Amino acid sequence: MKAAVTLKQNYEFRRLYQKGASAVGGGMVLYCRKNRLGHNRLGLTASVKLGGAVQRNRARRRLREVYRLNSPRLRQGWDMILVARGRTLTAPWGELNDTFLRLCRKLGLLEGKP
């Protein structure tokens, strides 16, 4: 499996939080902004409020997998940050996937018809 290209630097996260568009769903928050790279980059965050390291890592893994499965359907050239919320850990897989697709549709990130 090929690793996703990720956002790692603090200034990249701050720029997206300040200047990017956002959409809120039950289990996650999605921030996005166009980049000039021609491919997507993903950043994941999980607050300490979610729980210990095991819960935070599980939330990040679930969000990373949702992104990976839906990445062929996404437009290219965007920076995205997925922020985990409490429901990220407990929501059924289908609900998490539907939430991600709904947020992407709201922000115009899906290929095809708007």
C-alpha atoms as a PDB file:
ATOM      1  CA  MET A   1       0.000   0.000   0.000  1.00  0.00           C
ATOM      2  CA  LYS A   2       1.371   3.397  -0.988  1.00  0.00           C
ATOM      3  CA  ALA A   3       1.594   5.945   1.824  1.00  0.00           C
ATOM      4  CA  ALA A   4      -0.431   9.138   1.510  1.00  0.00           C
ATOM      5  CA  VAL A   5       1.408  12.415   1.112  1.00  0.00           C
ATOM      6  CA  THR A   6       0.920  14.167   4.431  1.00  0.00           C
ATOM      7  CA  LEU A   7       1.070  17.613   5.955  1.00  0.00           C
ATOM      8  CA  LYS A   8       3.663  17.648   8.686  1.00  0.00           C
ATOM      9  CA  GLN A   9       4.761  21.208   9.393  1.00  0.00           C
ATOM     10  CA  ASN A  10       3.007  23.341  11.988  1.00  0.00           C
ATOM     11  CA  TYR A  11       2.803  26.347   9.644  1.00  0.00           C
ATOM     12  CA  GLU A  12       0.936  24.217   7.069  1.00  0.00           C
ATOM     13  CA  PHE A  13      -1.681  23.270   9.641  1.00  0.00           C
ATOM     14  CA  ARG A  14      -2.021  26.858  10.873  1.00  0.00           C
ATOM     15  CA  ARG A  15      -2.422  28.172   7.314  1.00  0.00           C
ATOM     16  CA  LEU A  16      -5.228  25.715   6.619  1.00  0.00           C
ATOM     17  CA  TYR A  17      -6.998  26.513   9.887  1.00  0.00           C
ATOM     18  CA  GLN A  18      -6.849  30.253   9.173  1.00  0.00           C
ATOM     19  CA  LYS A  19      -7.403  30.469   5.418  1.00  0.00           C
ATOM     20  CA  GLY A  20      -9.055  27.188   4.481  1.00  0.00           C
ATOM     21  CA  ALA A  21     -12.715  26.318   4.090  1.00  0.00           C
ATOM     22  CA  SER A  22     -14.224  24.008   6.682  1.00  0.00           C
ATOM     23  CA  ALA A  23     -17.178  21.685   7.103  1.00  0.00           C
ATOM     24  CA  VAL A  24     -18.333  19.974  10.290  1.00  0.00           C
ATOM     25  CA  GLY A  25     -19.882  16.518  10.518  1.00  0.00           C
ATOM     26  CA  GLY A  26     -20.811  14.215  13.376  1.00  0.00           C
ATOM     27  CA  GLY A  27     -17.507  12.420  13.679  1.00  0.00           C
ATOM     28  CA  MET A  28     -15.028  14.812  12.098  1.00  0.00           C
ATOM     29  CA  VAL A  29     -14.181  18.294  10.885  1.00  0.00           C
ATOM     30  CA  LEU A  30     -12.690  18.773   7.417  1.00  0.00           C
ATOM     31  CA  TYR A  31     -10.537  21.757   6.479  1.00  0.00           C
ATOM     32  CA  CYS A  32      -9.384  22.198   2.892  1.00  0.00           C
ATOM     33  CA  ARG A  33      -7.480  24.638   0.724  1.00  0.00           C
ATOM     34  CA  LYS A  34      -6.122  24.484  -2.810  1.00  0.00           C
ATOM     35  CA  ASN A  35      -2.418  23.850  -3.243  1.00  0.00           C
ATOM     36  CA  ARG A  36      -0.268  24.242  -6.334  1.00  0.00           C
ATOM     37  CA  LEU A  37       1.205  20.757  -6.242  1.00  0.00           C
ATOM     38  CA  GLY A  38      -1.228  18.827  -8.423  1.00  0.00           C
ATOM     39  CA  HIS A  39      -1.803  16.154  -5.770  1.00  0.00           C
ATOM     40  CA  ASN A  40      -3.611  15.981  -2.452  1.00  0.00           C
ATOM     41  CA  ARG A  41      -1.972  16.152   0.957  1.00  0.00           C
ATOM     42  CA  LEU A  42      -3.608  14.957   4.155  1.00  0.00           C
ATOM     43  CA  GLY A  43      -3.164  16.038   7.755  1.00  0.00           C
ATOM     44  CA  LEU A  44      -4.759  14.281  10.719  1.00  0.00           C
ATOM     45  CA  THR A  45      -5.285  15.605  14.227  1.00  0.00           C
ATOM     46  CA  ALA A  46      -6.774  14.090  17.364  1.00  0.00           C
ATOM     47  CA  SER A  47      -6.997  16.114  20.549  1.00  0.00           C
ATOM     48  CA  VAL A  48      -5.944  14.846  23.963  1.00  0.00           C
ATOM     49  CA  LYS A  49      -9.621  15.295  24.902  1.00  0.00           C
ATOM     50  CA  LEU A  50     -10.382  12.123  22.911  1.00  0.00           C
ATOM     51  CA  GLY A  51      -8.526   9.973  25.403  1.00  0.00           C
ATOM     52  CA  GLY A  52      -5.196   8.278  25.726  1.00  0.00           C
ATOM     53  CA  ALA A  53      -2.714   7.523  22.992  1.00  0.00           C
ATOM     54  CA  VAL A  54      -4.465   4.293  22.022  1.00  0.00           C
ATOM     55  CA  GLN A  55      -7.791   6.057  21.381  1.00  0.00           C
ATOM     56  CA  ARG A  56      -6.142   8.947  19.520  1.00  0.00           C
ATOM     57  CA  ASN A  57      -4.179   6.582  17.289  1.00  0.00           C
ATOM     58  CA  ARG A  58      -7.310   4.528  16.589  1.00  0.00           C
ATOM     59  CA  ALA A  59      -9.183   7.679  15.588  1.00  0.00           C
ATOM     60  CA  ARG A  60      -6.360   8.724  13.253  1.00  0.00           C
ATOM     61  CA  ARG A  61      -6.197   5.235  11.717  1.00  0.00           C
ATOM     62  CA  ARG A  62      -9.940   5.243  11.057  1.00  0.00           C
ATOM     63  CA  LEU A  63      -9.802   8.681   9.416  1.00  0.00           C
ATOM     64  CA  ARG A  64      -6.746   7.733   7.352  1.00  0.00           C
ATOM     65  CA  GLU A  65      -8.556   4.642   6.067  1.00  0.00           C
ATOM     66  CA  VAL A  66     -11.692   6.625   5.168  1.00  0.00           C
ATOM     67  CA  TYR A  67      -9.502   9.013   3.188  1.00  0.00           C
ATOM     68  CA  ARG A  68      -7.577   6.171   1.514  1.00  0.00           C
ATOM     69  CA  LEU A  69     -10.706   4.367   0.346  1.00  0.00           C
ATOM     70  CA  ASN A  70     -12.267   7.535  -1.071  1.00  0.00           C
ATOM     71  CA  SER A  71      -9.140   9.213  -2.467  1.00  0.00           C
ATOM     72  CA  PRO A  72      -9.729   8.051  -6.087  1.00  0.00           C
ATOM     73  CA  ARG A  73     -13.027   9.987  -6.038  1.00  0.00           C
ATOM     74  CA  LEU A  74     -11.429  13.250  -4.866  1.00  0.00           C
ATOM     75  CA  ARG A  75     -10.224  16.151  -6.977  1.00  0.00           C
ATOM     76  CA  GLN A  76      -6.473  16.610  -7.032  1.00  0.00           C
ATOM     77  CA  GLY A  77      -4.508  19.623  -5.849  1.00  0.00           C
ATOM     78  CA  TRP A  78      -5.942  20.110  -2.345  1.00  0.00           C
ATOM     79  CA  ASP A  79      -4.557  20.199   1.173  1.00  0.00           C
ATOM     80  CA  MET A  80      -6.925  18.630   3.695  1.00  0.00           C
ATOM     81  CA  ILE A  81      -6.985  18.272   7.449  1.00  0.00           C
ATOM     82  CA  LEU A  82      -9.285  15.798   9.160  1.00  0.00           C
ATOM     83  CA  VAL A  83      -9.886  16.544  12.830  1.00  0.00           C
ATOM     84  CA  ALA A  84     -11.149  13.627  14.911  1.00  0.00           C
ATOM     85  CA  ARG A  85     -14.060  14.100  17.284  1.00  0.00           C
ATOM     86  CA  GLY A  86     -15.501  11.837  19.964  1.00  0.00           C
ATOM     87  CA  ARG A  87     -17.838  10.081  17.542  1.00  0.00           C
ATOM     88  CA  THR A  88     -14.889   9.091  15.358  1.00  0.00           C
ATOM     89  CA  LEU A  89     -14.128   6.287  17.801  1.00  0.00           C
ATOM     90  CA  THR A  90     -17.668   4.963  18.262  1.00  0.00           C
ATOM     91  CA  ALA A  91     -19.414   5.625  14.940  1.00  0.00           C
ATOM     92  CA  PRO A  92     -20.087   2.633  12.679  1.00  0.00           C
ATOM     93  CA  TRP A  93     -17.813   2.427   9.668  1.00  0.00           C
ATOM     94  CA  GLY A  94     -20.575   3.214   7.147  1.00  0.00           C
ATOM     95  CA  GLU A  95     -21.599   6.336   9.027  1.00  0.00           C
ATOM     96  CA  LEU A  96     -17.995   7.573   9.171  1.00  0.00           C
ATOM     97  CA  ASN A  97     -17.609   6.999   5.432  1.00  0.00           C
ATOM     98  CA  ASP A  98     -20.901   8.762   4.636  1.00  0.00           C
ATOM     99  CA  THR A  99     -19.933  11.723   6.809  1.00  0.00           C
ATOM    100  CA  PHE A 100     -16.619  12.090   4.978  1.00  0.00           C
ATOM    101  CA  LEU A 101     -18.306  11.968   1.566  1.00  0.00           C
ATOM    102  CA  ARG A 102     -20.961  14.473   2.663  1.00  0.00           C
ATOM    103  CA  LEU A 103     -18.293  16.924   3.881  1.00  0.00           C
ATOM    104  CA  CYS A 104     -16.296  16.516   0.661  1.00  0.00           C
ATOM    105  CA  ARG A 105     -19.427  17.128  -1.405  1.00  0.00           C
ATOM    106  CA  LYS A 106     -20.204  20.243   0.638  1.00  0.00           C
ATOM    107  CA  LEU A 107     -16.712  21.650  -0.001  1.00  0.00           C
ATOM    108  CA  GLY A 108     -16.668  20.648  -3.683  1.00  0.00           C
ATOM    109  CA  LEU A 109     -13.865  18.102  -3.364  1.00  0.00           C
ATOM    110  CA  LEU A 110     -15.555  15.230  -5.204  1.00  0.00           C
ATOM    111  CA  GLU A 111     -14.948  14.607  -8.911  1.00  0.00           C
ATOM    112  CA  GLY A 112     -17.860  14.849 -11.293  1.00  0.00           C
ATOM    113  CA  LYS A 113     -21.093  16.773 -10.794  1.00  0.00           C
ATOM    114  CA  PRO A 114     -21.184  19.359  -7.986  1.00  0.00           C
END
